[in-house]
Amino acid sequence: MATILKSGQREFQENPNRIDNYRIFTDVSRIKKGINPENLNFDLRQLNPGQYSVPYHFHRYAEELFMIISGSATLRTPNGLEIVNSGDLIFFEKGEKGAHQLYNHTDEICIFLDIRTYIGYDIAEYPDSDKILIAPTFEIFNKDSQVKYFDGEVNIKEKWKQVENKNE
């Protein structure tokens, strides 16, 4: 079934739990029409002057595509900074090479379409803050706390005995 999201019915709302400098708005008309994509997620975003889209990040399991609908912004990638304008398409591959962040350096609103693949889960990494986000649960961890596979796996025989005693 085709669902049409009419341009005159846009309703941009600020994404919750945002902080200063990261105030981005998302069109909620998709949600209001009950569109819940399984593998191809998309959002129409509004980035106001002087704001950053999200912290600089990349996805391990998702590709992403932006289309600048109106306005202009500065794009940060591993290659540096570049101005993107209305009509530009920007593809972000999986992994570190696809790291990205937008900043609205202008005095006008920037509207962009954000399309991303989704296979039921993803891991996003944030190089500036050494965080890892696990989606869809949105658990966030500091990458510096990474441990070896068998760390903490001690006294296994005792643990088994405790389980056996519970079953008796």
C-alpha atoms as a PDB file:
ATOM      1  CA  MET A   1       0.000   0.000   0.000  1.00  0.00           C
ATOM      2  CA  ALA A   2       1.292   3.451  -0.836  1.00  0.00           C
ATOM      3  CA  THR A   3       1.071   6.152   1.797  1.00  0.00           C
ATOM      4  CA  ILE A   4       1.529   9.751   0.741  1.00  0.00           C
ATOM      5  CA  LEU A   5       3.005  12.274   3.139  1.00  0.00           C
ATOM      6  CA  LYS A   6       1.828  15.601   1.761  1.00  0.00           C
ATOM      7  CA  SER A   7       4.264  18.510   2.001  1.00  0.00           C
ATOM      8  CA  GLY A   8       1.548  20.791   3.374  1.00  0.00           C
ATOM      9  CA  GLN A   9       0.974  18.419   6.295  1.00  0.00           C
ATOM     10  CA  ARG A  10       4.488  18.524   7.751  1.00  0.00           C
ATOM     11  CA  GLU A  11       4.740  18.841  11.509  1.00  0.00           C
ATOM     12  CA  PHE A  12       8.286  19.230  12.761  1.00  0.00           C
ATOM     13  CA  GLN A  13       8.817  18.493  16.441  1.00  0.00           C
ATOM     14  CA  GLU A  14      12.018  18.788  18.418  1.00  0.00           C
ATOM     15  CA  ASN A  15      13.585  15.432  19.137  1.00  0.00           C
ATOM     16  CA  PRO A  16      13.306  14.702  22.863  1.00  0.00           C
ATOM     17  CA  ASN A  17      16.237  14.714  25.290  1.00  0.00           C
ATOM     18  CA  ARG A  18      18.367  17.035  23.160  1.00  0.00           C
ATOM     19  CA  ILE A  19      20.860  19.504  24.586  1.00  0.00           C
ATOM     20  CA  ASP A  20      22.008  22.927  23.444  1.00  0.00           C
ATOM     21  CA  ASN A  21      23.778  22.884  20.075  1.00  0.00           C
ATOM     22  CA  TYR A  22      22.074  19.574  19.121  1.00  0.00           C
ATOM     23  CA  ARG A  23      18.479  20.675  18.724  1.00  0.00           C
ATOM     24  CA  ILE A  24      17.136  18.964  15.624  1.00  0.00           C
ATOM     25  CA  PHE A  25      13.499  18.652  14.581  1.00  0.00           C
ATOM     26  CA  THR A  26      11.867  15.674  12.869  1.00  0.00           C
ATOM     27  CA  ASP A  27       8.674  15.596  10.814  1.00  0.00           C
ATOM     28  CA  VAL A  28       6.223  13.408  12.750  1.00  0.00           C
ATOM     29  CA  SER A  29       3.694  13.010   9.910  1.00  0.00           C
ATOM     30  CA  ARG A  30       5.143   9.531   9.149  1.00  0.00           C
ATOM     31  CA  ILE A  31       4.430   8.397  12.707  1.00  0.00           C
ATOM     32  CA  LYS A  32       0.967   9.970  12.729  1.00  0.00           C
ATOM     33  CA  LYS A  33       0.083   8.018   9.574  1.00  0.00           C
ATOM     34  CA  GLY A  34       1.243   4.777  11.221  1.00  0.00           C
ATOM     35  CA  ILE A  35       4.192   4.212   8.896  1.00  0.00           C
ATOM     36  CA  ASN A  36       6.661   1.963  10.705  1.00  0.00           C
ATOM     37  CA  PRO A  37       9.286   0.771   8.198  1.00  0.00           C
ATOM     38  CA  GLU A  38      10.902  -2.578   8.803  1.00  0.00           C
ATOM     39  CA  ASN A  39      14.183  -2.264   6.872  1.00  0.00           C
ATOM     40  CA  LEU A  40      14.220   1.175   5.231  1.00  0.00           C
ATOM     41  CA  ASN A  41      13.917   3.883   7.853  1.00  0.00           C
ATOM     42  CA  PHE A  42      13.528   7.506   6.882  1.00  0.00           C
ATOM     43  CA  ASP A  43      12.949  10.857   8.499  1.00  0.00           C
ATOM     44  CA  LEU A  44      12.599  14.396   7.257  1.00  0.00           C
ATOM     45  CA  ARG A  45      14.772  16.601   9.466  1.00  0.00           C
ATOM     46  CA  GLN A  46      14.917  20.319  10.158  1.00  0.00           C
ATOM     47  CA  LEU A  47      18.273  21.715  11.234  1.00  0.00           C
ATOM     48  CA  ASN A  48      18.036  25.289  12.469  1.00  0.00           C
ATOM     49  CA  PRO A  49      20.845  27.839  12.173  1.00  0.00           C
ATOM     50  CA  GLY A  50      23.740  27.290  14.581  1.00  0.00           C
ATOM     51  CA  GLN A  51      22.746  23.703  15.404  1.00  0.00           C
ATOM     52  CA  TYR A  52      24.459  20.342  14.914  1.00  0.00           C
ATOM     53  CA  SER A  53      22.431  17.354  13.749  1.00  0.00           C
ATOM     54  CA  VAL A  54      23.837  14.731  16.125  1.00  0.00           C
ATOM     55  CA  PRO A  55      27.220  13.937  17.635  1.00  0.00           C
ATOM     56  CA  TYR A  56      29.823  12.848  15.060  1.00  0.00           C
ATOM     57  CA  HIS A  57      29.277   9.106  14.536  1.00  0.00           C
ATOM     58  CA  PHE A  58      29.251   6.121  12.215  1.00  0.00           C
ATOM     59  CA  HIS A  59      27.152   2.971  11.995  1.00  0.00           C
ATOM     60  CA  ARG A  60      28.521  -0.562  11.975  1.00  0.00           C
ATOM     61  CA  TYR A  61      25.441  -2.148  10.387  1.00  0.00           C
ATOM     62  CA  ALA A  62      23.538   0.604   8.595  1.00  0.00           C
ATOM     63  CA  GLU A  63      24.075   2.650   5.482  1.00  0.00           C
ATOM     64  CA  GLU A  64      22.661   6.145   5.383  1.00  0.00           C
ATOM     65  CA  LEU A  65      21.689   8.616   2.683  1.00  0.00           C
ATOM     66  CA  PHE A  66      20.925  12.313   3.113  1.00  0.00           C
ATOM     67  CA  MET A  67      19.275  14.521   0.530  1.00  0.00           C
ATOM     68  CA  ILE A  68      19.406  18.223   1.219  1.00  0.00           C
ATOM     69  CA  ILE A  69      15.899  19.443   0.359  1.00  0.00           C
ATOM     70  CA  SER A  70      16.405  23.119   1.159  1.00  0.00           C
ATOM     71  CA  GLY A  71      19.078  25.292   2.659  1.00  0.00           C
ATOM     72  CA  SER A  72      22.710  24.473   3.213  1.00  0.00           C
ATOM     73  CA  ALA A  73      24.904  22.927   5.906  1.00  0.00           C
ATOM     74  CA  THR A  74      28.497  22.013   6.616  1.00  0.00           C
ATOM     75  CA  LEU A  75      29.164  18.287   6.522  1.00  0.00           C
ATOM     76  CA  ARG A  76      31.900  16.753   8.680  1.00  0.00           C
ATOM     77  CA  THR A  77      33.367  13.424   7.529  1.00  0.00           C
ATOM     78  CA  PRO A  78      36.743  11.694   7.980  1.00  0.00           C
ATOM     79  CA  ASN A  79      37.873  13.759   4.956  1.00  0.00           C
ATOM     80  CA  GLY A  80      37.166  17.073   6.724  1.00  0.00           C
ATOM     81  CA  LEU A  81      34.488  19.719   6.196  1.00  0.00           C
ATOM     82  CA  GLU A  82      32.443  20.406   3.080  1.00  0.00           C
ATOM     83  CA  ILE A  83      29.430  22.588   2.291  1.00  0.00           C
ATOM     84  CA  VAL A  84      26.353  20.694   1.095  1.00  0.00           C
ATOM     85  CA  ASN A  85      23.459  22.456  -0.605  1.00  0.00           C
ATOM     86  CA  SER A  86      19.877  21.953  -1.720  1.00  0.00           C
ATOM     87  CA  GLY A  87      19.684  19.015  -4.142  1.00  0.00           C
ATOM     88  CA  ASP A  88      22.873  17.311  -2.898  1.00  0.00           C
ATOM     89  CA  LEU A  89      22.791  13.586  -2.090  1.00  0.00           C
ATOM     90  CA  ILE A  90      25.269  12.289   0.488  1.00  0.00           C
ATOM     91  CA  PHE A  91      25.857   8.551   0.966  1.00  0.00           C
ATOM     92  CA  PHE A  92      27.435   7.209   4.161  1.00  0.00           C
ATOM     93  CA  GLU A  93      28.796   3.692   4.028  1.00  0.00           C
ATOM     94  CA  LYS A  94      28.989   1.376   7.025  1.00  0.00           C
ATOM     95  CA  GLY A  95      32.030   1.719   9.257  1.00  0.00           C
ATOM     96  CA  GLU A  96      34.511   4.461  10.101  1.00  0.00           C
ATOM     97  CA  LYS A  97      34.686   5.785   6.529  1.00  0.00           C
ATOM     98  CA  GLY A  98      30.988   6.666   6.804  1.00  0.00           C
ATOM     99  CA  ALA A  99      31.325   8.867   9.906  1.00  0.00           C
ATOM    100  CA  HIS A 100      29.283  12.071   9.656  1.00  0.00           C
ATOM    101  CA  GLN A 101      27.740  15.110  11.284  1.00  0.00           C
ATOM    102  CA  LEU A 102      25.944  18.180   9.931  1.00  0.00           C
ATOM    103  CA  TYR A 103      26.163  21.753  11.179  1.00  0.00           C
ATOM    104  CA  ASN A 104      23.916  24.548   9.945  1.00  0.00           C
ATOM    105  CA  HIS A 105      26.407  27.363   9.420  1.00  0.00           C
ATOM    106  CA  THR A 106      23.816  29.611   7.741  1.00  0.00           C
ATOM    107  CA  ASP A 107      21.010  31.935   8.841  1.00  0.00           C
ATOM    108  CA  GLU A 108      18.368  29.783   7.122  1.00  0.00           C
ATOM    109  CA  ILE A 109      16.731  26.489   8.067  1.00  0.00           C
ATOM    110  CA  CYS A 110      18.184  23.375   6.419  1.00  0.00           C
ATOM    111  CA  ILE A 111      15.719  20.571   5.628  1.00  0.00           C
ATOM    112  CA  PHE A 112      17.111  17.160   4.730  1.00  0.00           C
ATOM    113  CA  LEU A 113      15.790  13.668   4.129  1.00  0.00           C
ATOM    114  CA  ASP A 114      17.578  11.001   6.202  1.00  0.00           C
ATOM    115  CA  ILE A 115      17.226   7.466   4.797  1.00  0.00           C
ATOM    116  CA  ARG A 116      18.952   4.512   6.441  1.00  0.00           C
ATOM    117  CA  THR A 117      18.915   0.766   6.253  1.00  0.00           C
ATOM    118  CA  TYR A 118      17.918  -1.115   9.375  1.00  0.00           C
ATOM    119  CA  ILE A 119      18.237  -4.856   9.930  1.00  0.00           C
ATOM    120  CA  GLY A 120      16.699  -4.893  13.400  1.00  0.00           C
ATOM    121  CA  TYR A 121      19.782  -3.693  15.249  1.00  0.00           C
ATOM    122  CA  ASP A 122      22.765  -1.415  14.847  1.00  0.00           C
ATOM    123  CA  ILE A 123      25.810  -0.232  16.703  1.00  0.00           C
ATOM    124  CA  ALA A 124      26.818   3.409  16.369  1.00  0.00           C
ATOM    125  CA  GLU A 125      30.246   4.634  17.429  1.00  0.00           C
ATOM    126  CA  TYR A 126      31.054   8.201  18.482  1.00  0.00           C
ATOM    127  CA  PRO A 127      34.774   8.906  17.897  1.00  0.00           C
ATOM    128  CA  ASP A 128      34.766  12.300  19.678  1.00  0.00           C
ATOM    129  CA  SER A 129      33.488  10.872  22.962  1.00  0.00           C
ATOM    130  CA  ASP A 130      34.509   7.182  22.694  1.00  0.00           C
ATOM    131  CA  LYS A 131      30.927   5.993  23.138  1.00  0.00           C
ATOM    132  CA  ILE A 132      29.093   3.047  21.631  1.00  0.00           C
ATOM    133  CA  LEU A 133      25.308   3.014  21.217  1.00  0.00           C
ATOM    134  CA  ILE A 134      23.391  -0.227  20.774  1.00  0.00           C
ATOM    135  CA  ALA A 135      20.102   0.100  18.881  1.00  0.00           C
ATOM    136  CA  PRO A 136      17.219  -0.409  19.249  1.00  0.00           C
ATOM    137  CA  THR A 137      17.639  -0.478  23.053  1.00  0.00           C
ATOM    138  CA  PHE A 138      19.689   2.741  23.075  1.00  0.00           C
ATOM    139  CA  GLU A 139      22.126   1.391  25.637  1.00  0.00           C
ATOM    140  CA  ILE A 140      25.235   3.589  25.614  1.00  0.00           C
ATOM    141  CA  PHE A 141      28.651   2.502  26.802  1.00  0.00           C
ATOM    142  CA  ASN A 142      32.075   4.068  27.013  1.00  0.00           C
ATOM    143  CA  LYS A 143      34.339   2.311  24.526  1.00  0.00           C
ATOM    144  CA  ASP A 144      37.268   2.582  26.973  1.00  0.00           C
ATOM    145  CA  SER A 145      35.524   0.064  29.235  1.00  0.00           C
ATOM    146  CA  GLN A 146      35.997  -2.674  26.649  1.00  0.00           C
ATOM    147  CA  VAL A 147      37.126  -5.940  28.219  1.00  0.00           C
ATOM    148  CA  LYS A 148      38.476  -9.270  26.989  1.00  0.00           C
ATOM    149  CA  TYR A 149      36.019 -12.062  26.292  1.00  0.00           C
ATOM    150  CA  PHE A 150      36.786 -14.113  29.423  1.00  0.00           C
ATOM    151  CA  ASP A 151      37.185 -11.189  31.866  1.00  0.00           C
ATOM    152  CA  GLY A 152      35.055 -11.847  34.950  1.00  0.00           C
ATOM    153  CA  GLU A 153      34.420 -15.480  34.025  1.00  0.00           C
ATOM    154  CA  VAL A 154      35.812 -16.951  37.237  1.00  0.00           C
ATOM    155  CA  ASN A 155      34.590 -19.590  39.684  1.00  0.00           C
ATOM    156  CA  ILE A 156      32.465 -21.305  37.051  1.00  0.00           C
ATOM    157  CA  LYS A 157      32.296 -24.538  39.071  1.00  0.00           C
ATOM    158  CA  GLU A 158      30.886 -22.604  42.049  1.00  0.00           C
ATOM    159  CA  LYS A 159      28.240 -21.001  39.873  1.00  0.00           C
ATOM    160  CA  TRP A 160      27.186 -24.406  38.555  1.00  0.00           C
ATOM    161  CA  LYS A 161      26.954 -25.751  42.105  1.00  0.00           C
ATOM    162  CA  GLN A 162      24.687 -22.833  43.040  1.00  0.00           C
ATOM    163  CA  VAL A 163      22.408 -23.623  40.126  1.00  0.00           C
ATOM    164  CA  GLU A 164      22.367 -27.319  41.015  1.00  0.00           C
ATOM    165  CA  ASN A 165      21.442 -26.491  44.634  1.00  0.00           C
ATOM    166  CA  LYS A 166      18.525 -24.314  43.450  1.00  0.00           C
ATOM    167  CA  ASN A 167      17.137 -27.203  41.411  1.00  0.00           C
ATOM    168  CA  GLU A 168      17.114 -29.641  44.350  1.00  0.00           C
END
